[in-house]
N, C-alpha and C. Protein backbone atom coordinates (compact mmCIF):
# COMPACT_ATOMS: atom_id res chain seq x y z
N MET A 1 -24.04 13.97 -2.97
CA MET A 1 -23.73 12.83 -3.82
C MET A 1 -23.12 11.72 -2.97
N LEU A 2 -23.56 10.51 -3.19
CA LEU A 2 -23.08 9.38 -2.41
C LEU A 2 -21.96 8.59 -3.09
N ILE A 3 -21.84 8.71 -4.40
CA ILE A 3 -20.83 7.95 -5.13
C ILE A 3 -19.65 8.86 -5.46
N PHE A 4 -18.43 8.35 -5.21
CA PHE A 4 -17.21 9.09 -5.53
C PHE A 4 -16.46 8.30 -6.59
N LEU A 5 -16.23 8.91 -7.74
CA LEU A 5 -15.52 8.27 -8.84
C LEU A 5 -14.18 8.96 -9.03
N ASN A 6 -13.11 8.18 -9.00
CA ASN A 6 -11.77 8.70 -9.27
C ASN A 6 -11.38 8.22 -10.66
N LYS A 7 -11.28 9.13 -11.60
CA LYS A 7 -10.90 8.78 -12.97
C LYS A 7 -9.40 8.48 -13.02
N ALA A 8 -9.02 7.50 -13.82
CA ALA A 8 -7.62 7.08 -13.93
C ALA A 8 -6.70 8.25 -14.22
N ARG A 9 -7.11 9.16 -15.07
CA ARG A 9 -6.26 10.30 -15.44
C ARG A 9 -5.98 11.23 -14.25
N ASP A 10 -6.82 11.16 -13.21
CA ASP A 10 -6.67 12.03 -12.05
C ASP A 10 -5.92 11.37 -10.89
N ILE A 11 -5.56 10.10 -11.02
CA ILE A 11 -4.89 9.39 -9.94
C ILE A 11 -3.38 9.63 -10.04
N LYS A 12 -2.86 10.43 -9.12
CA LYS A 12 -1.45 10.82 -9.15
C LYS A 12 -0.82 10.62 -7.77
N PRO A 13 -0.21 9.45 -7.55
CA PRO A 13 0.46 9.24 -6.27
C PRO A 13 1.54 10.28 -6.02
N GLU A 14 1.70 10.68 -4.76
CA GLU A 14 2.69 11.68 -4.36
C GLU A 14 3.66 11.07 -3.36
N PRO A 15 4.88 11.63 -3.28
CA PRO A 15 5.88 11.08 -2.36
C PRO A 15 5.38 11.04 -0.91
N LEU A 16 5.67 9.94 -0.24
CA LEU A 16 5.39 9.77 1.17
C LEU A 16 6.74 9.70 1.88
N ASP A 17 6.93 10.45 2.94
CA ASP A 17 8.19 10.44 3.67
C ASP A 17 8.33 9.13 4.44
N VAL A 18 9.19 8.25 3.92
CA VAL A 18 9.42 6.95 4.54
C VAL A 18 10.91 6.75 4.83
N GLY A 19 11.60 7.84 5.09
CA GLY A 19 13.04 7.74 5.33
C GLY A 19 13.79 7.64 4.03
N GLU A 20 14.62 6.60 3.89
CA GLU A 20 15.46 6.47 2.70
C GLU A 20 14.76 5.78 1.54
N GLY A 21 13.61 5.19 1.75
CA GLY A 21 12.90 4.51 0.68
C GLY A 21 12.21 5.49 -0.26
N LYS A 22 11.92 5.05 -1.47
CA LYS A 22 11.19 5.87 -2.43
C LYS A 22 9.81 5.26 -2.62
N PHE A 23 8.80 5.92 -2.06
CA PHE A 23 7.45 5.38 -1.98
C PHE A 23 6.46 6.52 -2.22
N ASN A 24 5.58 6.35 -3.21
CA ASN A 24 4.53 7.32 -3.50
C ASN A 24 3.18 6.68 -3.26
N LEU A 25 2.20 7.50 -2.85
CA LEU A 25 0.84 6.98 -2.74
C LEU A 25 -0.17 8.11 -2.79
N VAL A 26 -1.40 7.71 -3.01
CA VAL A 26 -2.52 8.64 -2.97
C VAL A 26 -3.71 7.89 -2.39
N ASP A 27 -4.32 8.47 -1.36
CA ASP A 27 -5.56 7.92 -0.82
C ASP A 27 -6.69 8.38 -1.73
N LEU A 28 -7.45 7.44 -2.26
CA LEU A 28 -8.57 7.76 -3.14
C LEU A 28 -9.90 7.73 -2.40
N VAL A 29 -9.94 6.94 -1.33
CA VAL A 29 -11.11 6.84 -0.46
C VAL A 29 -10.58 6.96 0.96
N SER A 30 -11.22 7.81 1.76
CA SER A 30 -10.72 8.02 3.12
C SER A 30 -11.82 8.59 4.00
N GLN A 31 -11.42 9.05 5.17
CA GLN A 31 -12.36 9.67 6.09
C GLN A 31 -13.00 10.91 5.47
N ALA A 32 -12.32 11.54 4.53
CA ALA A 32 -12.87 12.75 3.88
C ALA A 32 -14.20 12.45 3.18
N GLN A 33 -14.38 11.20 2.75
CA GLN A 33 -15.64 10.79 2.14
C GLN A 33 -16.54 10.05 3.13
N SER A 34 -16.21 10.12 4.41
CA SER A 34 -16.93 9.41 5.46
C SER A 34 -16.93 7.90 5.25
N ALA A 35 -15.88 7.39 4.63
CA ALA A 35 -15.75 5.96 4.38
C ALA A 35 -15.19 5.26 5.62
N PRO A 36 -15.57 3.99 5.85
CA PRO A 36 -15.03 3.24 6.99
C PRO A 36 -13.63 2.66 6.71
N VAL A 37 -13.14 2.84 5.48
CA VAL A 37 -11.83 2.31 5.07
C VAL A 37 -11.03 3.41 4.39
N SER A 38 -9.75 3.14 4.20
CA SER A 38 -8.91 3.95 3.31
C SER A 38 -8.55 3.07 2.13
N ALA A 39 -8.47 3.64 0.95
CA ALA A 39 -8.09 2.89 -0.25
C ALA A 39 -7.35 3.83 -1.18
N GLY A 40 -6.40 3.28 -1.91
CA GLY A 40 -5.65 4.11 -2.83
C GLY A 40 -4.66 3.32 -3.64
N VAL A 41 -3.74 4.06 -4.26
CA VAL A 41 -2.72 3.47 -5.13
C VAL A 41 -1.36 3.86 -4.56
N ALA A 42 -0.44 2.90 -4.56
CA ALA A 42 0.92 3.14 -4.08
C ALA A 42 1.93 2.65 -5.11
N GLU A 43 3.08 3.31 -5.12
CA GLU A 43 4.18 2.93 -6.00
C GLU A 43 5.46 2.87 -5.16
N ILE A 44 6.32 1.92 -5.52
CA ILE A 44 7.61 1.81 -4.84
C ILE A 44 8.68 1.56 -5.90
N TRP A 45 9.86 2.16 -5.68
CA TRP A 45 10.99 2.01 -6.59
C TRP A 45 12.14 1.35 -5.85
N LYS A 46 13.15 0.96 -6.62
CA LYS A 46 14.35 0.38 -6.02
C LYS A 46 14.97 1.41 -5.09
N SER A 47 15.07 1.05 -3.83
CA SER A 47 15.62 1.94 -2.80
C SER A 47 15.71 1.14 -1.51
N ALA A 48 15.89 1.82 -0.42
CA ALA A 48 15.89 1.16 0.89
C ALA A 48 14.50 0.57 1.14
N PRO A 49 14.40 -0.58 1.81
CA PRO A 49 13.08 -1.15 2.13
C PRO A 49 12.24 -0.16 2.95
N VAL A 50 10.94 -0.22 2.72
CA VAL A 50 9.98 0.62 3.43
C VAL A 50 9.24 -0.27 4.42
N ASP A 51 9.20 0.14 5.69
CA ASP A 51 8.53 -0.69 6.68
C ASP A 51 7.22 -0.04 7.13
N PHE A 52 6.21 -0.88 7.27
CA PHE A 52 4.91 -0.46 7.79
C PHE A 52 4.53 -1.41 8.91
N ASP A 53 3.99 -0.86 10.00
CA ASP A 53 3.50 -1.74 11.06
C ASP A 53 1.99 -1.87 10.93
N TYR A 54 1.49 -2.99 11.32
CA TYR A 54 0.07 -3.31 11.19
C TYR A 54 -0.56 -3.54 12.56
N ASP A 55 -0.14 -2.74 13.56
CA ASP A 55 -0.73 -2.80 14.90
C ASP A 55 -2.18 -2.33 14.91
N ASN A 56 -2.46 -1.28 14.12
CA ASN A 56 -3.75 -0.62 14.21
C ASN A 56 -4.66 -0.81 13.01
N ASP A 57 -4.19 -1.49 11.99
CA ASP A 57 -5.02 -1.69 10.81
C ASP A 57 -4.63 -2.98 10.11
N CYS A 58 -5.47 -3.39 9.19
CA CYS A 58 -5.15 -4.50 8.31
C CYS A 58 -5.19 -3.96 6.89
N ALA A 59 -4.66 -4.71 5.94
CA ALA A 59 -4.64 -4.25 4.56
C ALA A 59 -4.89 -5.41 3.60
N VAL A 60 -5.52 -5.08 2.49
CA VAL A 60 -5.63 -5.97 1.35
C VAL A 60 -5.06 -5.19 0.18
N CYS A 61 -4.15 -5.83 -0.56
CA CYS A 61 -3.48 -5.15 -1.67
C CYS A 61 -3.56 -6.00 -2.93
N TYR A 62 -3.78 -5.32 -4.06
CA TYR A 62 -3.85 -5.96 -5.37
C TYR A 62 -2.72 -5.39 -6.23
N MET A 63 -1.81 -6.26 -6.67
CA MET A 63 -0.66 -5.83 -7.45
C MET A 63 -1.09 -5.51 -8.88
N ILE A 64 -0.73 -4.30 -9.34
CA ILE A 64 -1.10 -3.83 -10.67
C ILE A 64 0.04 -4.01 -11.66
N GLU A 65 1.25 -3.65 -11.24
CA GLU A 65 2.36 -3.59 -12.18
C GLU A 65 3.68 -3.82 -11.45
N GLY A 66 4.65 -4.45 -12.13
CA GLY A 66 5.98 -4.63 -11.57
C GLY A 66 6.08 -5.80 -10.62
N GLU A 67 7.04 -5.71 -9.69
CA GLU A 67 7.26 -6.76 -8.69
C GLU A 67 7.71 -6.13 -7.39
N ILE A 68 7.15 -6.62 -6.30
CA ILE A 68 7.51 -6.15 -4.96
C ILE A 68 7.80 -7.38 -4.11
N THR A 69 8.78 -7.25 -3.24
CA THR A 69 9.06 -8.29 -2.27
C THR A 69 8.55 -7.83 -0.91
N LEU A 70 7.73 -8.65 -0.28
CA LEU A 70 7.24 -8.39 1.07
C LEU A 70 8.00 -9.30 2.01
N THR A 71 8.54 -8.74 3.09
CA THR A 71 9.27 -9.53 4.08
C THR A 71 8.60 -9.37 5.42
N GLU A 72 8.25 -10.51 6.01
CA GLU A 72 7.59 -10.53 7.32
C GLU A 72 8.24 -11.63 8.14
N GLY A 73 8.81 -11.25 9.28
CA GLY A 73 9.45 -12.24 10.14
C GLY A 73 10.56 -13.01 9.46
N GLY A 74 11.29 -12.36 8.54
CA GLY A 74 12.38 -13.02 7.84
C GLY A 74 11.93 -13.81 6.62
N GLU A 75 10.63 -14.02 6.42
CA GLU A 75 10.12 -14.76 5.28
C GLU A 75 9.76 -13.79 4.16
N GLN A 76 10.29 -14.06 2.95
CA GLN A 76 10.03 -13.20 1.81
C GLN A 76 8.95 -13.77 0.91
N HIS A 77 8.13 -12.85 0.37
CA HIS A 77 7.05 -13.22 -0.55
C HIS A 77 7.13 -12.32 -1.77
N SER A 78 7.11 -12.90 -2.96
CA SER A 78 7.12 -12.13 -4.19
C SER A 78 5.68 -11.76 -4.54
N PHE A 79 5.43 -10.50 -4.82
CA PHE A 79 4.10 -9.94 -5.07
C PHE A 79 4.10 -9.48 -6.53
N LEU A 80 3.36 -10.18 -7.40
CA LEU A 80 3.38 -9.95 -8.85
C LEU A 80 2.02 -9.47 -9.35
N PRO A 81 1.96 -8.90 -10.57
CA PRO A 81 0.68 -8.43 -11.10
C PRO A 81 -0.41 -9.50 -11.04
N GLY A 82 -1.57 -9.09 -10.53
CA GLY A 82 -2.69 -10.00 -10.36
C GLY A 82 -2.75 -10.64 -8.99
N ASP A 83 -1.65 -10.60 -8.23
CA ASP A 83 -1.64 -11.18 -6.89
C ASP A 83 -2.40 -10.30 -5.92
N VAL A 84 -3.00 -10.95 -4.94
CA VAL A 84 -3.69 -10.25 -3.84
C VAL A 84 -3.06 -10.71 -2.55
N VAL A 85 -2.75 -9.77 -1.66
CA VAL A 85 -2.18 -10.12 -0.36
C VAL A 85 -3.07 -9.53 0.73
N TYR A 86 -3.28 -10.31 1.77
CA TYR A 86 -4.00 -9.84 2.96
C TYR A 86 -2.99 -9.76 4.09
N ILE A 87 -2.90 -8.59 4.72
CA ILE A 87 -2.00 -8.39 5.85
C ILE A 87 -2.87 -8.10 7.06
N PRO A 88 -2.92 -9.02 8.03
CA PRO A 88 -3.83 -8.86 9.17
C PRO A 88 -3.36 -7.81 10.17
N GLN A 89 -4.30 -7.29 10.90
CA GLN A 89 -3.97 -6.43 12.04
C GLN A 89 -3.39 -7.34 13.11
N SER A 90 -2.19 -7.02 13.59
CA SER A 90 -1.54 -7.87 14.56
C SER A 90 -0.49 -7.07 15.33
N ALA A 91 -0.60 -7.06 16.64
CA ALA A 91 0.35 -6.31 17.47
C ALA A 91 1.78 -6.73 17.13
N GLY A 92 2.61 -5.75 16.82
CA GLY A 92 4.02 -6.00 16.54
C GLY A 92 4.33 -6.45 15.13
N LEU A 93 3.31 -6.61 14.26
CA LEU A 93 3.56 -7.05 12.89
C LEU A 93 4.15 -5.91 12.07
N VAL A 94 5.34 -6.14 11.52
CA VAL A 94 6.00 -5.18 10.64
C VAL A 94 6.28 -5.90 9.33
N VAL A 95 5.91 -5.27 8.22
CA VAL A 95 6.16 -5.82 6.89
C VAL A 95 7.06 -4.85 6.14
N LEU A 96 8.14 -5.38 5.57
CA LEU A 96 9.05 -4.58 4.74
C LEU A 96 8.61 -4.71 3.29
N TRP A 97 8.52 -3.59 2.62
CA TRP A 97 8.16 -3.53 1.20
C TRP A 97 9.40 -3.08 0.44
N GLU A 98 9.76 -3.78 -0.64
CA GLU A 98 10.88 -3.35 -1.47
C GLU A 98 10.73 -3.89 -2.88
N SER A 99 11.45 -3.27 -3.81
CA SER A 99 11.41 -3.69 -5.21
C SER A 99 12.80 -3.57 -5.80
N ASP A 100 13.13 -4.48 -6.71
CA ASP A 100 14.39 -4.39 -7.44
C ASP A 100 14.30 -3.38 -8.58
N SER A 101 13.08 -2.96 -8.91
CA SER A 101 12.91 -1.99 -9.99
C SER A 101 11.73 -1.06 -9.69
N TYR A 102 10.49 -1.57 -9.79
CA TYR A 102 9.29 -0.74 -9.62
C TYR A 102 8.11 -1.65 -9.34
N GLY A 103 7.19 -1.17 -8.54
CA GLY A 103 5.95 -1.89 -8.30
C GLY A 103 4.83 -0.90 -8.02
N LYS A 104 3.62 -1.26 -8.46
CA LYS A 104 2.44 -0.41 -8.26
C LYS A 104 1.29 -1.30 -7.81
N PHE A 105 0.59 -0.87 -6.74
CA PHE A 105 -0.50 -1.68 -6.24
C PHE A 105 -1.64 -0.82 -5.71
N PHE A 106 -2.81 -1.43 -5.64
CA PHE A 106 -4.00 -0.81 -5.05
C PHE A 106 -4.16 -1.39 -3.66
N TYR A 107 -4.51 -0.55 -2.68
CA TYR A 107 -4.64 -1.03 -1.31
C TYR A 107 -5.97 -0.57 -0.69
N VAL A 108 -6.43 -1.37 0.26
CA VAL A 108 -7.55 -1.02 1.12
C VAL A 108 -7.12 -1.33 2.54
N THR A 109 -7.28 -0.38 3.45
CA THR A 109 -6.95 -0.61 4.86
C THR A 109 -8.19 -0.40 5.71
N TYR A 110 -8.26 -1.15 6.79
CA TYR A 110 -9.33 -0.97 7.77
C TYR A 110 -8.74 -1.03 9.16
N PRO A 111 -9.03 -0.09 10.02
CA PRO A 111 -9.68 1.18 9.67
C PRO A 111 -8.70 2.06 8.91
N HIS A 112 -8.84 3.34 8.99
CA HIS A 112 -7.99 4.27 8.25
C HIS A 112 -6.56 4.19 8.72
N TRP A 113 -5.63 4.10 7.78
CA TRP A 113 -4.23 3.93 8.14
C TRP A 113 -3.57 5.20 8.61
N ARG A 114 -4.15 6.33 8.33
CA ARG A 114 -3.57 7.59 8.83
C ARG A 114 -4.64 8.60 9.09
């Protein structure tokens, strides 16, 4: 079969070890399906900021629910439902993700983030 369908009822993000932050995610598309990208759903709660580096991949994210603040180079960006953010692959680029309450988003990374 060439098509992979993930039904909403089956999408269950799981905790990702990010230190003190509270961050859940689930990869829905990955190398397991021989895909050239990774894609999935992530959730973040009020906690310590979560940092991701973008040395080896880029990301496009679509905000589904809540509000997340993205901080890059000291500049903060509010990420709200319906917003799309593109984070380029760039040596040394680190983006902090945090929320005052809760945020949920869909992401696609190229190439595979893990």
